[in-house]
């Protein structure tokens, strides 16, 4: 089985409660996939967080941008793609690690 750990880009990954909960059943992190939400809210340091893997997430990270207010799903996906393509920091994250489509 796989553990889907959803956490905000705004939190400190090593002290995140959801990471601690995952560790109770997956101590090595081998079965854990982390979905990092709100990537647009905390871009500083996110590249380092997901590439250094300080908390040992075995199945890796997927960074996403949440819908804002009344955005449709399609509008949100367009904005998400634009964010990860054009943001000076977020555009450096490997494309295999960004966007809702990676989870499909």
C-alpha atoms as a PDB file:
ATOM      1  CA  UNK A   1       0.000   0.000   0.000  1.00  0.00           C
ATOM      2  CA  UNK A   2       0.992   3.613  -0.550  1.00  0.00           C
ATOM      3  CA  UNK A   3       0.710   6.474   1.911  1.00  0.00           C
ATOM      4  CA  UNK A   4      -0.382   9.715   0.281  1.00  0.00           C
ATOM      5  CA  UNK A   5       0.900  12.444   2.560  1.00  0.00           C
ATOM      6  CA  UNK A   6      -0.575  15.867   1.824  1.00  0.00           C
ATOM      7  CA  UNK A   7       1.252  18.825   3.332  1.00  0.00           C
ATOM      8  CA  UNK A   8       1.477  22.538   2.741  1.00  0.00           C
ATOM      9  CA  UNK A   9       4.554  24.167   1.248  1.00  0.00           C
ATOM     10  CA  UNK A  10       4.259  26.678   4.073  1.00  0.00           C
ATOM     11  CA  UNK A  11       5.173  24.194   6.831  1.00  0.00           C
ATOM     12  CA  UNK A  12       8.532  22.951   8.036  1.00  0.00           C
ATOM     13  CA  UNK A  13       8.670  19.447   6.556  1.00  0.00           C
ATOM     14  CA  UNK A  14      10.743  17.766   9.318  1.00  0.00           C
ATOM     15  CA  UNK A  15       8.344  18.919  12.045  1.00  0.00           C
ATOM     16  CA  UNK A  16       5.124  18.485  10.042  1.00  0.00           C
ATOM     17  CA  UNK A  17       2.447  16.504  11.888  1.00  0.00           C
ATOM     18  CA  UNK A  18       1.393  14.532   8.792  1.00  0.00           C
ATOM     19  CA  UNK A  19       5.000  13.410   8.251  1.00  0.00           C
ATOM     20  CA  UNK A  20       5.189  12.229  11.857  1.00  0.00           C
ATOM     21  CA  UNK A  21       1.929  10.327  11.404  1.00  0.00           C
ATOM     22  CA  UNK A  22       3.245   8.654   8.245  1.00  0.00           C
ATOM     23  CA  UNK A  23       6.377   7.573  10.083  1.00  0.00           C
ATOM     24  CA  UNK A  24       4.294   5.575  12.550  1.00  0.00           C
ATOM     25  CA  UNK A  25       3.346   3.131   9.791  1.00  0.00           C
ATOM     26  CA  UNK A  26       6.186   3.701   7.294  1.00  0.00           C
ATOM     27  CA  UNK A  27       9.299   4.376   9.350  1.00  0.00           C
ATOM     28  CA  UNK A  28      11.650   4.477   6.344  1.00  0.00           C
ATOM     29  CA  UNK A  29       9.315   6.458   4.078  1.00  0.00           C
ATOM     30  CA  UNK A  30       9.592   3.876   1.283  1.00  0.00           C
ATOM     31  CA  UNK A  31       5.814   3.714   0.743  1.00  0.00           C
ATOM     32  CA  UNK A  32       5.148   7.436   1.104  1.00  0.00           C
ATOM     33  CA  UNK A  33       4.308   9.916  -1.656  1.00  0.00           C
ATOM     34  CA  UNK A  34       4.109  13.555  -0.575  1.00  0.00           C
ATOM     35  CA  UNK A  35       1.781  16.026  -2.270  1.00  0.00           C
ATOM     36  CA  UNK A  36       2.888  19.568  -1.492  1.00  0.00           C
ATOM     37  CA  UNK A  37      -0.007  22.014  -1.706  1.00  0.00           C
ATOM     38  CA  UNK A  38       0.073  25.816  -1.809  1.00  0.00           C
ATOM     39  CA  UNK A  39       3.345  25.859  -3.720  1.00  0.00           C
ATOM     40  CA  UNK A  40       2.539  29.372  -4.893  1.00  0.00           C
ATOM     41  CA  UNK A  41       2.230  30.604  -1.295  1.00  0.00           C
ATOM     42  CA  UNK A  42       5.720  29.612  -0.215  1.00  0.00           C
ATOM     43  CA  UNK A  43       8.077  29.343  -3.193  1.00  0.00           C
ATOM     44  CA  UNK A  44      11.210  30.339  -1.273  1.00  0.00           C
ATOM     45  CA  UNK A  45      12.988  27.182  -0.209  1.00  0.00           C
ATOM     46  CA  UNK A  46      10.542  24.765  -1.835  1.00  0.00           C
ATOM     47  CA  UNK A  47      13.065  23.575  -4.420  1.00  0.00           C
ATOM     48  CA  UNK A  48      15.481  22.750  -1.625  1.00  0.00           C
ATOM     49  CA  UNK A  49      12.790  21.018   0.435  1.00  0.00           C
ATOM     50  CA  UNK A  50      11.783  18.655  -2.362  1.00  0.00           C
ATOM     51  CA  UNK A  51      15.246  17.959  -3.764  1.00  0.00           C
ATOM     52  CA  UNK A  52      17.204  17.440  -0.551  1.00  0.00           C
ATOM     53  CA  UNK A  53      14.445  15.182   0.804  1.00  0.00           C
ATOM     54  CA  UNK A  54      15.364  15.887   4.406  1.00  0.00           C
ATOM     55  CA  UNK A  55      12.468  13.725   5.630  1.00  0.00           C
ATOM     56  CA  UNK A  56      13.061  10.697   3.335  1.00  0.00           C
ATOM     57  CA  UNK A  57       9.964  10.487   1.173  1.00  0.00           C
ATOM     58  CA  UNK A  58      10.614   7.277  -0.758  1.00  0.00           C
ATOM     59  CA  UNK A  59       8.137   7.813  -3.584  1.00  0.00           C
ATOM     60  CA  UNK A  60       8.993  11.481  -3.975  1.00  0.00           C
ATOM     61  CA  UNK A  61       7.109  14.740  -4.017  1.00  0.00           C
ATOM     62  CA  UNK A  62       4.474  16.286  -6.258  1.00  0.00           C
ATOM     63  CA  UNK A  63       4.062  20.049  -5.923  1.00  0.00           C
ATOM     64  CA  UNK A  64       0.684  21.527  -6.796  1.00  0.00           C
ATOM     65  CA  UNK A  65      -1.102  24.860  -6.803  1.00  0.00           C
ATOM     66  CA  UNK A  66      -4.542  24.923  -5.199  1.00  0.00           C
ATOM     67  CA  UNK A  67      -7.553  26.477  -6.880  1.00  0.00           C
ATOM     68  CA  UNK A  68      -8.188  30.058  -5.840  1.00  0.00           C
ATOM     69  CA  UNK A  69     -11.698  31.359  -5.149  1.00  0.00           C
ATOM     70  CA  UNK A  70     -14.001  30.758  -8.132  1.00  0.00           C
ATOM     71  CA  UNK A  71     -11.453  29.323 -10.545  1.00  0.00           C
ATOM     72  CA  UNK A  72     -12.724  26.434 -12.600  1.00  0.00           C
ATOM     73  CA  UNK A  73     -10.705  23.241 -12.649  1.00  0.00           C
ATOM     74  CA  UNK A  74      -9.416  24.079 -16.138  1.00  0.00           C
ATOM     75  CA  UNK A  75      -8.489  27.635 -15.162  1.00  0.00           C
ATOM     76  CA  UNK A  76      -6.647  26.346 -12.110  1.00  0.00           C
ATOM     77  CA  UNK A  77      -4.659  23.853 -14.190  1.00  0.00           C
ATOM     78  CA  UNK A  78      -3.678  26.606 -16.646  1.00  0.00           C
ATOM     79  CA  UNK A  79      -2.536  28.838 -13.779  1.00  0.00           C
ATOM     80  CA  UNK A  80      -0.674  25.935 -12.190  1.00  0.00           C
ATOM     81  CA  UNK A  81       1.185  25.159 -15.423  1.00  0.00           C
ATOM     82  CA  UNK A  82       2.048  28.823 -15.866  1.00  0.00           C
ATOM     83  CA  UNK A  83       3.310  29.066 -12.292  1.00  0.00           C
ATOM     84  CA  UNK A  84       5.700  26.129 -12.624  1.00  0.00           C
ATOM     85  CA  UNK A  85       6.876  27.279 -16.058  1.00  0.00           C
ATOM     86  CA  UNK A  86       7.499  30.947 -15.328  1.00  0.00           C
ATOM     87  CA  UNK A  87       8.198  31.453 -11.621  1.00  0.00           C
ATOM     88  CA  UNK A  88      11.922  32.155 -11.099  1.00  0.00           C
ATOM     89  CA  UNK A  89      12.222  29.563  -8.314  1.00  0.00           C
ATOM     90  CA  UNK A  90       9.425  27.083  -8.961  1.00  0.00           C
ATOM     91  CA  UNK A  91      10.374  26.661 -12.624  1.00  0.00           C
ATOM     92  CA  UNK A  92      13.580  24.966 -11.420  1.00  0.00           C
ATOM     93  CA  UNK A  93      11.673  22.043  -9.902  1.00  0.00           C
ATOM     94  CA  UNK A  94      11.806  18.970 -12.138  1.00  0.00           C
ATOM     95  CA  UNK A  95       8.689  18.770 -14.319  1.00  0.00           C
ATOM     96  CA  UNK A  96       8.087  15.189 -13.185  1.00  0.00           C
ATOM     97  CA  UNK A  97       7.386  16.623  -9.726  1.00  0.00           C
ATOM     98  CA  UNK A  98       4.880  19.375 -10.501  1.00  0.00           C
ATOM     99  CA  UNK A  99       1.193  19.595 -11.293  1.00  0.00           C
ATOM    100  CA  UNK A 100      -1.981  17.675 -10.610  1.00  0.00           C
ATOM    101  CA  UNK A 101      -1.515  15.723 -13.855  1.00  0.00           C
ATOM    102  CA  UNK A 102       1.524  13.966 -12.363  1.00  0.00           C
ATOM    103  CA  UNK A 103      -0.820  12.290  -9.884  1.00  0.00           C
ATOM    104  CA  UNK A 104      -3.088  10.839 -12.584  1.00  0.00           C
END
